[in-house]
Full PDB file with SEQRES, HELIX, SHEET, SSBOND, CRYST1, ORIGX, SCALE, CONECT and MASTER records, all heavy atoms in Angstrom:
SEQRES   1 A   37  PRO HIS SER GLY ILE TYR ARG CYS THR GLY CYS GLY ARG          
SEQRES   2 A   37  GLU ILE ALA SER ASN ALA THR ASN GLY ASP ARG PHE PRO          
SEQRES   3 A   37  PRO GLN ASN HIS HIS GLN HIS ASN PRO GLY GLN                  
HELIX    1 AA1 ALA A   19  ASN A   21  5                                   3    
HELIX    2 AA2 GLN A   28  HIS A   30  5                                   3    
SHEET    1 AA1 2 GLY A   4  ARG A   7  0                                        
SHEET    2 AA1 2 GLU A  14  SER A  17 -1                                        
CRYST1    1.000    1.000    1.000  90.00  90.00  90.00 P 1           1          
ORIGX1      1.000000  0.000000  0.000000        0.00000                         
ORIGX2      0.000000  1.000000  0.000000        0.00000                         
ORIGX3      0.000000  0.000000  1.000000        0.00000                         
SCALE1      1.000000  0.000000  0.000000        0.00000                         
SCALE2      0.000000  1.000000  0.000000        0.00000                         
SCALE3      0.000000  0.000000  1.000000        0.00000                         
ATOM      1  N   PRO A   1     273.847  62.839 132.693  1.00  0.00           N  
ATOM      2  CA  PRO A   1     274.041  64.083 131.978  1.00  0.00           C  
ATOM      3  C   PRO A   1     275.112  65.033 132.583  1.00  0.00           C  
ATOM      4  O   PRO A   1     275.674  65.836 131.924  1.00  0.00           O  
ATOM      5  CB  PRO A   1     272.665  64.753 132.061  1.00  0.00           C  
ATOM      6  CG  PRO A   1     272.026  64.230 133.295  1.00  0.00           C  
ATOM      7  CD  PRO A   1     272.584  62.857 133.405  1.00  0.00           C  
ATOM      8  N   HIS A   2     275.343  64.932 133.927  1.00  0.00           N  
ATOM      9  CA  HIS A   2     276.251  65.782 134.569  1.00  0.00           C  
ATOM     10  C   HIS A   2     277.080  64.953 135.611  1.00  0.00           C  
ATOM     11  O   HIS A   2     276.441  64.125 136.354  1.00  0.00           O  
ATOM     12  CB  HIS A   2     275.564  66.914 135.391  1.00  0.00           C  
ATOM     13  CG  HIS A   2     274.688  67.749 134.467  1.00  0.00           C  
ATOM     14  ND1 HIS A   2     275.210  68.774 133.675  1.00  0.00           N  
ATOM     15  CD2 HIS A   2     273.335  67.774 134.271  1.00  0.00           C  
ATOM     16  CE1 HIS A   2     274.225  69.368 133.003  1.00  0.00           C  
ATOM     17  NE2 HIS A   2     273.111  68.754 133.363  1.00  0.00           N  
ATOM     18  N   SER A   3     278.320  65.142 135.699  1.00  0.00           N  
ATOM     19  CA  SER A   3     279.155  64.422 136.701  1.00  0.00           C  
ATOM     20  C   SER A   3     278.776  64.991 138.083  1.00  0.00           C  
ATOM     21  O   SER A   3     278.544  66.131 138.299  1.00  0.00           O  
ATOM     22  CB  SER A   3     280.640  64.664 136.423  1.00  0.00           C  
ATOM     23  OG  SER A   3     281.026  64.075 135.165  1.00  0.00           O  
ATOM     24  N   GLY A   4     278.750  64.035 139.034  1.00  0.00           N  
ATOM     25  CA  GLY A   4     278.517  64.461 140.451  1.00  0.00           C  
ATOM     26  C   GLY A   4     277.872  63.368 141.293  1.00  0.00           C  
ATOM     27  O   GLY A   4     277.987  62.179 140.966  1.00  0.00           O  
ATOM     28  N   ILE A   5     277.214  63.762 142.339  1.00  0.00           N  
ATOM     29  CA  ILE A   5     276.575  62.842 143.281  1.00  0.00           C  
ATOM     30  C   ILE A   5     275.009  62.903 142.977  1.00  0.00           C  
ATOM     31  O   ILE A   5     274.454  64.003 142.947  1.00  0.00           O  
ATOM     32  CB  ILE A   5     276.901  63.178 144.733  1.00  0.00           C  
ATOM     33  CG1 ILE A   5     278.351  63.103 144.953  1.00  0.00           C  
ATOM     34  CG2 ILE A   5     276.083  62.242 145.713  1.00  0.00           C  
ATOM     35  CD1 ILE A   5     278.810  63.574 146.281  1.00  0.00           C  
ATOM     36  N   TYR A   6     274.396  61.749 142.831  1.00  0.00           N  
ATOM     37  CA  TYR A   6     273.018  61.608 142.603  1.00  0.00           C  
ATOM     38  C   TYR A   6     272.388  60.824 143.769  1.00  0.00           C  
ATOM     39  O   TYR A   6     272.978  60.020 144.386  1.00  0.00           O  
ATOM     40  CB  TYR A   6     272.660  60.916 141.361  1.00  0.00           C  
ATOM     41  CG  TYR A   6     272.971  61.679 140.110  1.00  0.00           C  
ATOM     42  CD1 TYR A   6     274.297  61.805 139.633  1.00  0.00           C  
ATOM     43  CD2 TYR A   6     271.974  62.370 139.446  1.00  0.00           C  
ATOM     44  CE1 TYR A   6     274.593  62.553 138.491  1.00  0.00           C  
ATOM     45  CE2 TYR A   6     272.326  63.120 138.305  1.00  0.00           C  
ATOM     46  CZ  TYR A   6     273.586  63.175 137.796  1.00  0.00           C  
ATOM     47  OH  TYR A   6     273.805  63.906 136.674  1.00  0.00           O  
ATOM     48  N   ARG A   7     271.155  61.199 144.118  1.00  0.00           N  
ATOM     49  CA  ARG A   7     270.419  60.614 145.222  1.00  0.00           C  
ATOM     50  C   ARG A   7     269.158  60.019 144.717  1.00  0.00           C  
ATOM     51  O   ARG A   7     268.434  60.655 143.898  1.00  0.00           O  
ATOM     52  CB  ARG A   7     270.105  61.666 146.271  1.00  0.00           C  
ATOM     53  CG  ARG A   7     269.393  61.148 147.519  1.00  0.00           C  
ATOM     54  CD  ARG A   7     269.249  62.321 148.490  1.00  0.00           C  
ATOM     55  NE  ARG A   7     268.689  61.872 149.739  1.00  0.00           N  
ATOM     56  CZ  ARG A   7     267.381  61.799 149.964  1.00  0.00           C  
ATOM     57  NH1 ARG A   7     266.498  62.178 149.024  1.00  0.00           N  
ATOM     58  NH2 ARG A   7     266.920  61.330 151.098  1.00  0.00           N  
ATOM     59  N   CYS A   8     268.812  58.811 145.129  1.00  0.00           N  
ATOM     60  CA  CYS A   8     267.547  58.170 144.750  1.00  0.00           C  
ATOM     61  C   CYS A   8     266.419  58.940 145.515  1.00  0.00           C  
ATOM     62  O   CYS A   8     266.482  59.084 146.710  1.00  0.00           O  
ATOM     63  CB  CYS A   8     267.582  56.684 145.160  1.00  0.00           C  
ATOM     64  SG  CYS A   8     265.956  55.841 144.801  1.00  0.00           S  
ATOM     65  N   THR A   9     265.392  59.389 144.760  1.00  0.00           N  
ATOM     66  CA  THR A   9     264.390  60.242 145.379  1.00  0.00           C  
ATOM     67  C   THR A   9     263.480  59.401 146.244  1.00  0.00           C  
ATOM     68  O   THR A   9     262.824  59.957 147.149  1.00  0.00           O  
ATOM     69  CB  THR A   9     263.531  60.885 144.321  1.00  0.00           C  
ATOM     70  OG1 THR A   9     262.923  59.908 143.468  1.00  0.00           O  
ATOM     71  CG2 THR A   9     264.393  61.850 143.442  1.00  0.00           C  
ATOM     72  N   GLY A  10     263.469  58.123 146.090  1.00  0.00           N  
ATOM     73  CA  GLY A  10     262.602  57.200 146.926  1.00  0.00           C  
ATOM     74  C   GLY A  10     263.189  56.772 148.225  1.00  0.00           C  
ATOM     75  O   GLY A  10     262.547  56.808 149.243  1.00  0.00           O  
ATOM     76  N   CYS A  11     264.450  56.373 148.206  1.00  0.00           N  
ATOM     77  CA  CYS A  11     265.093  55.786 149.371  1.00  0.00           C  
ATOM     78  C   CYS A  11     266.304  56.522 149.956  1.00  0.00           C  
ATOM     79  O   CYS A  11     266.682  56.243 151.033  1.00  0.00           O  
ATOM     80  CB  CYS A  11     265.408  54.281 149.200  1.00  0.00           C  
ATOM     81  SG  CYS A  11     266.785  54.141 147.958  1.00  0.00           S  
ATOM     82  N   GLY A  12     266.843  57.507 149.132  1.00  0.00           N  
ATOM     83  CA  GLY A  12     267.947  58.229 149.604  1.00  0.00           C  
ATOM     84  C   GLY A  12     269.290  57.642 149.361  1.00  0.00           C  
ATOM     85  O   GLY A  12     270.274  58.281 149.696  1.00  0.00           O  
ATOM     86  N   ARG A  13     269.360  56.523 148.682  1.00  0.00           N  
ATOM     87  CA  ARG A  13     270.691  55.893 148.333  1.00  0.00           C  
ATOM     88  C   ARG A  13     271.429  56.874 147.424  1.00  0.00           C  
ATOM     89  O   ARG A  13     270.750  57.501 146.612  1.00  0.00           O  
ATOM     90  CB  ARG A  13     270.503  54.563 147.740  1.00  0.00           C  
ATOM     91  CG  ARG A  13     271.827  53.936 147.293  1.00  0.00           C  
ATOM     92  CD  ARG A  13     271.580  52.563 146.849  1.00  0.00           C  
ATOM     93  NE  ARG A  13     271.295  51.701 147.957  1.00  0.00           N  
ATOM     94  CZ  ARG A  13     271.434  50.390 148.014  1.00  0.00           C  
ATOM     95  NH1 ARG A  13     271.809  49.770 146.912  1.00  0.00           N  
ATOM     96  NH2 ARG A  13     271.225  49.677 149.114  1.00  0.00           N  
ATOM     97  N   GLU A  14     272.652  56.976 147.531  1.00  0.00           N  
ATOM     98  CA  GLU A  14     273.471  57.923 146.734  1.00  0.00           C  
ATOM     99  C   GLU A  14     274.492  57.192 145.889  1.00  0.00           C  
ATOM    100  O   GLU A  14     275.028  56.132 146.286  1.00  0.00           O  
ATOM    101  CB  GLU A  14     274.190  58.945 147.607  1.00  0.00           C  
ATOM    102  CG  GLU A  14     273.207  59.817 148.386  1.00  0.00           C  
ATOM    103  CD  GLU A  14     273.816  60.461 149.600  1.00  0.00           C  
ATOM    104  OE1 GLU A  14     274.909  60.022 150.070  1.00  0.00           O  
ATOM    105  OE2 GLU A  14     273.175  61.349 150.151  1.00  0.00           O  
ATOM    106  N   ILE A  15     274.835  57.772 144.772  1.00  0.00           N  
ATOM    107  CA  ILE A  15     275.871  57.272 143.852  1.00  0.00           C  
ATOM    108  C   ILE A  15     276.658  58.394 143.325  1.00  0.00           C  
ATOM    109  O   ILE A  15     276.216  59.568 143.290  1.00  0.00           O  
ATOM    110  CB  ILE A  15     275.292  56.423 142.653  1.00  0.00           C  
ATOM    111  CG1 ILE A  15     274.360  57.358 141.831  1.00  0.00           C  
ATOM    112  CG2 ILE A  15     274.562  55.212 143.151  1.00  0.00           C  
ATOM    113  CD1 ILE A  15     273.971  56.798 140.502  1.00  0.00           C  
ATOM    114  N   ALA A  16     277.870  58.168 142.940  1.00  0.00           N  
ATOM    115  CA  ALA A  16     278.727  59.142 142.274  1.00  0.00           C  
ATOM    116  C   ALA A  16     278.839  58.695 140.790  1.00  0.00           C  
ATOM    117  O   ALA A  16     279.066  57.491 140.548  1.00  0.00           O  
ATOM    118  CB  ALA A  16     280.092  59.254 142.888  1.00  0.00           C  
ATOM    119  N   SER A  17     278.687  59.585 139.837  1.00  0.00           N  
ATOM    120  CA  SER A  17     278.743  59.246 138.412  1.00  0.00           C  
ATOM    121  C   SER A  17     279.543  60.264 137.665  1.00  0.00           C  
ATOM    122  O   SER A  17     279.588  61.418 138.014  1.00  0.00           O  
ATOM    123  CB  SER A  17     277.336  59.185 137.865  1.00  0.00           C  
ATOM    124  OG  SER A  17     276.601  58.070 138.453  1.00  0.00           O  
ATOM    125  N   ASN A  18     280.137  59.766 136.528  1.00  0.00           N  
ATOM    126  CA  ASN A  18     280.999  60.635 135.741  1.00  0.00           C  
ATOM    127  C   ASN A  18     280.480  60.734 134.321  1.00  0.00           C  
ATOM    128  O   ASN A  18     280.551  59.746 133.511  1.00  0.00           O  
ATOM    129  CB  ASN A  18     282.448  60.082 135.744  1.00  0.00           C  
ATOM    130  CG  ASN A  18     283.426  61.015 135.101  1.00  0.00           C  
ATOM    131  OD1 ASN A  18     283.112  61.876 134.313  1.00  0.00           O  
ATOM    132  ND2 ASN A  18     284.680  60.799 135.433  1.00  0.00           N  
ATOM    133  N   ALA A  19     279.881  61.862 133.939  1.00  0.00           N  
ATOM    134  CA  ALA A  19     279.298  61.988 132.653  1.00  0.00           C  
ATOM    135  C   ALA A  19     280.357  61.961 131.496  1.00  0.00           C  
ATOM    136  O   ALA A  19     280.092  61.412 130.440  1.00  0.00           O  
ATOM    137  CB  ALA A  19     278.568  63.287 132.549  1.00  0.00           C  
ATOM    138  N   THR A  20     281.612  62.457 131.800  1.00  0.00           N  
ATOM    139  CA  THR A  20     282.636  62.478 130.780  1.00  0.00           C  
ATOM    140  C   THR A  20     283.155  61.066 130.395  1.00  0.00           C  
ATOM    141  O   THR A  20     283.741  60.887 129.310  1.00  0.00           O  
ATOM    142  CB  THR A  20     283.842  63.331 131.195  1.00  0.00           C  
ATOM    143  OG1 THR A  20     284.348  62.790 132.439  1.00  0.00           O  
ATOM    144  CG2 THR A  20     283.404  64.789 131.415  1.00  0.00           C  
ATOM    145  N   ASN A  21     282.861  60.045 131.301  1.00  0.00           N  
ATOM    146  CA  ASN A  21     283.218  58.711 130.979  1.00  0.00           C  
ATOM    147  C   ASN A  21     282.077  57.930 130.327  1.00  0.00           C  
ATOM    148  O   ASN A  21     282.188  56.680 130.064  1.00  0.00           O  
ATOM    149  CB  ASN A  21     283.671  57.930 132.237  1.00  0.00           C  
ATOM    150  CG  ASN A  21     285.047  58.385 132.738  1.00  0.00           C  
ATOM    151  OD1 ASN A  21     285.770  59.019 131.968  1.00  0.00           O  
ATOM    152  ND2 ASN A  21     285.351  57.983 133.934  1.00  0.00           N  
ATOM    153  N   GLY A  22     280.956  58.586 130.089  1.00  0.00           N  
ATOM    154  CA  GLY A  22     279.822  57.939 129.524  1.00  0.00           C  
ATOM    155  C   GLY A  22     279.036  57.099 130.509  1.00  0.00           C  
ATOM    156  O   GLY A  22     278.329  56.165 130.064  1.00  0.00           O  
ATOM    157  N   ASP A  23     279.227  57.329 131.845  1.00  0.00           N  
ATOM    158  CA  ASP A  23     278.466  56.563 132.821  1.00  0.00           C  
ATOM    159  C   ASP A  23     276.978  56.492 132.606  1.00  0.00           C  
ATOM    160  O   ASP A  23     276.447  57.476 132.061  1.00  0.00           O  
ATOM    161  CB  ASP A  23     278.749  57.047 134.239  1.00  0.00           C  
ATOM    162  CG  ASP A  23     280.152  56.746 134.755  1.00  0.00           C  
ATOM    163  OD1 ASP A  23     280.940  56.140 134.013  1.00  0.00           O  
ATOM    164  OD2 ASP A  23     280.438  57.155 135.891  1.00  0.00           O  
ATOM    165  N   ARG A  24     276.338  55.472 133.038  1.00  0.00           N  
ATOM    166  CA  ARG A  24     274.928  55.315 133.029  1.00  0.00           C  
ATOM    167  C   ARG A  24     274.443  55.171 134.488  1.00  0.00           C  
ATOM    168  O   ARG A  24     275.177  54.675 135.334  1.00  0.00           O  
ATOM    169  CB  ARG A  24     274.440  54.155 132.217  1.00  0.00           C  
ATOM    170  CG  ARG A  24     274.755  54.386 130.696  1.00  0.00           C  
ATOM    171  CD  ARG A  24     274.053  53.325 129.846  1.00  0.00           C  
ATOM    172  NE  ARG A  24     274.143  53.697 128.462  1.00  0.00           N  
ATOM    173  CZ  ARG A  24     273.353  54.494 127.813  1.00  0.00           C  
ATOM    174  NH1 ARG A  24     272.283  54.977 128.498  1.00  0.00           N  
ATOM    175  NH2 ARG A  24     273.439  54.835 126.564  1.00  0.00           N  
ATOM    176  N   PHE A  25     273.232  55.522 134.694  1.00  0.00           N  
ATOM    177  CA  PHE A  25     272.700  55.257 136.092  1.00  0.00           C  
ATOM    178  C   PHE A  25     272.515  53.773 136.281  1.00  0.00           C  
ATOM    179  O   PHE A  25     272.425  52.961 135.246  1.00  0.00           O  
ATOM    180  CB  PHE A  25     271.337  55.995 136.257  1.00  0.00           C  
ATOM    181  CG  PHE A  25     271.407  57.465 136.273  1.00  0.00           C  
ATOM    182  CD1 PHE A  25     271.068  58.203 135.167  1.00  0.00           C  
ATOM    183  CD2 PHE A  25     271.906  58.056 137.387  1.00  0.00           C  
ATOM    184  CE1 PHE A  25     271.200  59.577 135.201  1.00  0.00           C  
ATOM    185  CE2 PHE A  25     272.048  59.505 137.419  1.00  0.00           C  
ATOM    186  CZ  PHE A  25     271.715  60.184 136.303  1.00  0.00           C  
ATOM    187  N   PRO A  26     272.635  53.295 137.487  1.00  0.00           N  
ATOM    188  CA  PRO A  26     272.569  51.853 137.770  1.00  0.00           C  
ATOM    189  C   PRO A  26     271.286  51.301 137.237  1.00  0.00           C  
ATOM    190  O   PRO A  26     270.256  51.993 137.134  1.00  0.00           O  
ATOM    191  CB  PRO A  26     272.649  51.778 139.284  1.00  0.00           C  
ATOM    192  CG  PRO A  26     273.256  52.984 139.748  1.00  0.00           C  
ATOM    193  CD  PRO A  26     272.838  54.078 138.765  1.00  0.00           C  
ATOM    194  N   PRO A  27     271.334  49.956 136.819  1.00  0.00           N  
ATOM    195  CA  PRO A  27     270.104  49.358 136.297  1.00  0.00           C  
ATOM    196  C   PRO A  27     269.070  49.181 137.400  1.00  0.00           C  
ATOM    197  O   PRO A  27     269.307  49.336 138.593  1.00  0.00           O  
ATOM    198  CB  PRO A  27     270.563  47.990 135.767  1.00  0.00           C  
ATOM    199  CG  PRO A  27     271.783  47.766 136.661  1.00  0.00           C  
ATOM    200  CD  PRO A  27     272.401  49.081 136.900  1.00  0.00           C  
ATOM    201  N   GLN A  28     267.804  48.884 136.960  1.00  0.00           N  
ATOM    202  CA  GLN A  28     266.679  48.770 137.881  1.00  0.00           C  
ATOM    203  C   GLN A  28     266.992  47.765 139.004  1.00  0.00           C  
ATOM    204  O   GLN A  28     266.504  47.961 140.160  1.00  0.00           O  
ATOM    205  CB  GLN A  28     265.465  48.320 137.048  1.00  0.00           C  
ATOM    206  CG  GLN A  28     264.193  48.189 137.880  1.00  0.00           C  
ATOM    207  CD  GLN A  28     263.607  49.548 138.296  1.00  0.00           C  
ATOM    208  OE1 GLN A  28     263.803  50.543 137.532  1.00  0.00           O  
ATOM    209  NE2 GLN A  28     262.941  49.598 139.367  1.00  0.00           N  
ATOM    210  N   ASN A  29     267.724  46.777 138.737  1.00  0.00           N  
ATOM    211  CA  ASN A  29     268.006  45.712 139.807  1.00  0.00           C  
ATOM    212  C   ASN A  29     269.170  46.080 140.727  1.00  0.00           C  
ATOM    213  O   ASN A  29     269.605  45.323 141.531  1.00  0.00           O  
ATOM    214  CB  ASN A  29     268.222  44.385 139.210  1.00  0.00           C  
ATOM    215  CG  ASN A  29     269.459  44.293 138.305  1.00  0.00           C  
ATOM    216  OD1 ASN A  29     270.170  45.314 138.116  1.00  0.00           O  
ATOM    217  ND2 ASN A  29     269.781  43.147 137.777  1.00  0.00           N  
ATOM    218  N   HIS A  30     269.680  47.370 140.637  1.00  0.00           N  
ATOM    219  CA  HIS A  30     270.850  47.820 141.499  1.00  0.00           C  
ATOM    220  C   HIS A  30     270.371  47.839 142.942  1.00  0.00           C  
ATOM    221  O   HIS A  30     271.113  47.361 143.811  1.00  0.00           O  
ATOM    222  CB  HIS A  30     271.179  49.276 141.073  1.00  0.00           C  
ATOM    223  CG  HIS A  30     272.204  49.894 141.945  1.00  0.00           C  
ATOM    224  ND1 HIS A  30     271.754  50.835 142.866  1.00  0.00           N  
ATOM    225  CD2 HIS A  30     273.536  49.792 141.976  1.00  0.00           C  
ATOM    226  CE1 HIS A  30     272.961  51.282 143.466  1.00  0.00           C  
ATOM    227  NE2 HIS A  30     273.957  50.610 142.979  1.00  0.00           N  
ATOM    228  N   HIS A  31     269.123  48.201 143.202  1.00  0.00           N  
ATOM    229  CA  HIS A  31     268.537  48.121 144.545  1.00  0.00           C  
ATOM    230  C   HIS A  31     267.061  48.113 144.361  1.00  0.00           C  
ATOM    231  O   HIS A  31     266.547  48.506 143.380  1.00  0.00           O  
ATOM    232  CB  HIS A  31     269.056  49.206 145.483  1.00  0.00           C  
ATOM    233  CG  HIS A  31     268.540  50.654 145.193  1.00  0.00           C  
ATOM    234  ND1 HIS A  31     269.061  51.394 144.147  1.00  0.00           N  
ATOM    235  CD2 HIS A  31     267.596  51.358 145.758  1.00  0.00           C  
ATOM    236  CE1 HIS A  31     268.431  52.585 144.146  1.00  0.00           C  
ATOM    237  NE2 HIS A  31     267.520  52.550 145.119  1.00  0.00           N  
ATOM    238  N   GLN A  32     266.364  47.655 145.387  1.00  0.00           N  
ATOM    239  CA  GLN A  32     264.986  47.570 145.347  1.00  0.00           C  
ATOM    240  C   GLN A  32     264.246  48.466 146.346  1.00  0.00           C  
ATOM    241  O   GLN A  32     264.812  48.799 147.362  1.00  0.00           O  
ATOM    242  CB  GLN A  32     264.481  46.101 145.646  1.00  0.00           C  
ATOM    243  CG  GLN A  32     265.068  45.075 144.618  1.00  0.00           C  
ATOM    244  CD  GLN A  32     264.698  45.381 143.165  1.00  0.00           C  
ATOM    245  OE1 GLN A  32     263.501  45.609 142.896  1.00  0.00           O  
ATOM    246  NE2 GLN A  32     265.637  45.458 142.312  1.00  0.00           N  
ATOM    247  N   HIS A  33     263.052  48.854 146.006  1.00  0.00           N  
ATOM    248  CA  HIS A  33     262.161  49.741 146.890  1.00  0.00           C  
ATOM    249  C   HIS A  33     261.049  48.865 147.394  1.00  0.00           C  
ATOM    250  O   HIS A  33     260.535  48.000 146.680  1.00  0.00           O  
ATOM    251  CB  HIS A  33     261.610  50.859 146.094  1.00  0.00           C  
ATOM    252  CG  HIS A  33     262.642  51.981 145.870  1.00  0.00           C  
ATOM    253  ND1 HIS A  33     262.337  53.089 145.253  1.00  0.00           N  
ATOM    254  CD2 HIS A  33     263.928  52.133 146.218  1.00  0.00           C  
ATOM    255  CE1 HIS A  33     263.349  53.979 145.174  1.00  0.00           C  
ATOM    256  NE2 HIS A  33     264.357  53.326 145.756  1.00  0.00           N  
ATOM    257  N   ASN A  34     260.564  49.252 148.578  1.00  0.00           N  
ATOM    258  CA  ASN A  34     259.242  48.728 148.966  1.00  0.00           C  
ATOM    259  C   ASN A  34     258.198  49.597 148.270  1.00  0.00           C  
ATOM    260  O   ASN A  34     258.477  50.707 147.840  1.00  0.00           O  
ATOM    261  CB  ASN A  34     259.130  48.707 150.581  1.00  0.00           C  
ATOM    262  CG  ASN A  34     259.129  50.076 151.144  1.00  0.00           C  
ATOM    263  OD1 ASN A  34     258.462  51.028 150.696  1.00  0.00           O  
ATOM    264  ND2 ASN A  34     259.883  50.233 152.179  1.00  0.00           N  
ATOM    265  N   PRO A  35     256.931  49.129 148.259  1.00  0.00           N  
ATOM    266  CA  PRO A  35     255.929  49.880 147.486  1.00  0.00           C  
ATOM    267  C   PRO A  35     255.722  51.311 147.910  1.00  0.00           C  
ATOM    268  O   PRO A  35     255.477  52.210 147.058  1.00  0.00           O  
ATOM    269  CB  PRO A  35     254.671  49.101 147.759  1.00  0.00           C  
ATOM    270  CG  PRO A  35     255.156  47.717 148.060  1.00  0.00           C  
ATOM    271  CD  PRO A  35     256.453  47.890 148.759  1.00  0.00           C  
ATOM    272  N   GLY A  36     255.984  51.662 149.123  1.00  0.00           N  
ATOM    273  CA  GLY A  36     255.770  53.061 149.644  1.00  0.00           C  
ATOM    274  C   GLY A  36     256.864  54.017 149.149  1.00  0.00           C  
ATOM    275  O   GLY A  36     256.736  55.228 149.258  1.00  0.00           O  
ATOM    276  N   GLN A  37     258.040  53.466 148.637  1.00  0.00           N  
ATOM    277  CA  GLN A  37     259.069  54.340 148.277  1.00  0.00           C  
ATOM    278  C   GLN A  37     258.983  54.780 146.754  1.00  0.00           C  
ATOM    279  O   GLN A  37     259.772  55.631 146.322  1.00  0.00           O  
ATOM    280  CB  GLN A  37     260.439  53.651 148.422  1.00  0.00           C  
ATOM    281  CG  GLN A  37     260.751  53.436 149.851  1.00  0.00           C  
ATOM    282  CD  GLN A  37     262.040  52.664 150.007  1.00  0.00           C  
ATOM    283  OE1 GLN A  37     262.196  51.532 149.468  1.00  0.00           O  
ATOM    284  NE2 GLN A  37     262.909  53.113 150.891  1.00  0.00           N  
TER     285      GLN A  37                                                      
MASTER        0    0    0    2    2    0    0    6  284    1    0    3          
END                                                                             
């Protein structure tokens, strides 16, 4: 929805995304969490 830097709330991994280009958040298999995350 907004261009910028996003952080995964579970593990802290970060990505940069551009809303004006129609970017989507990475798919579920982009990275994995352990059950506690």
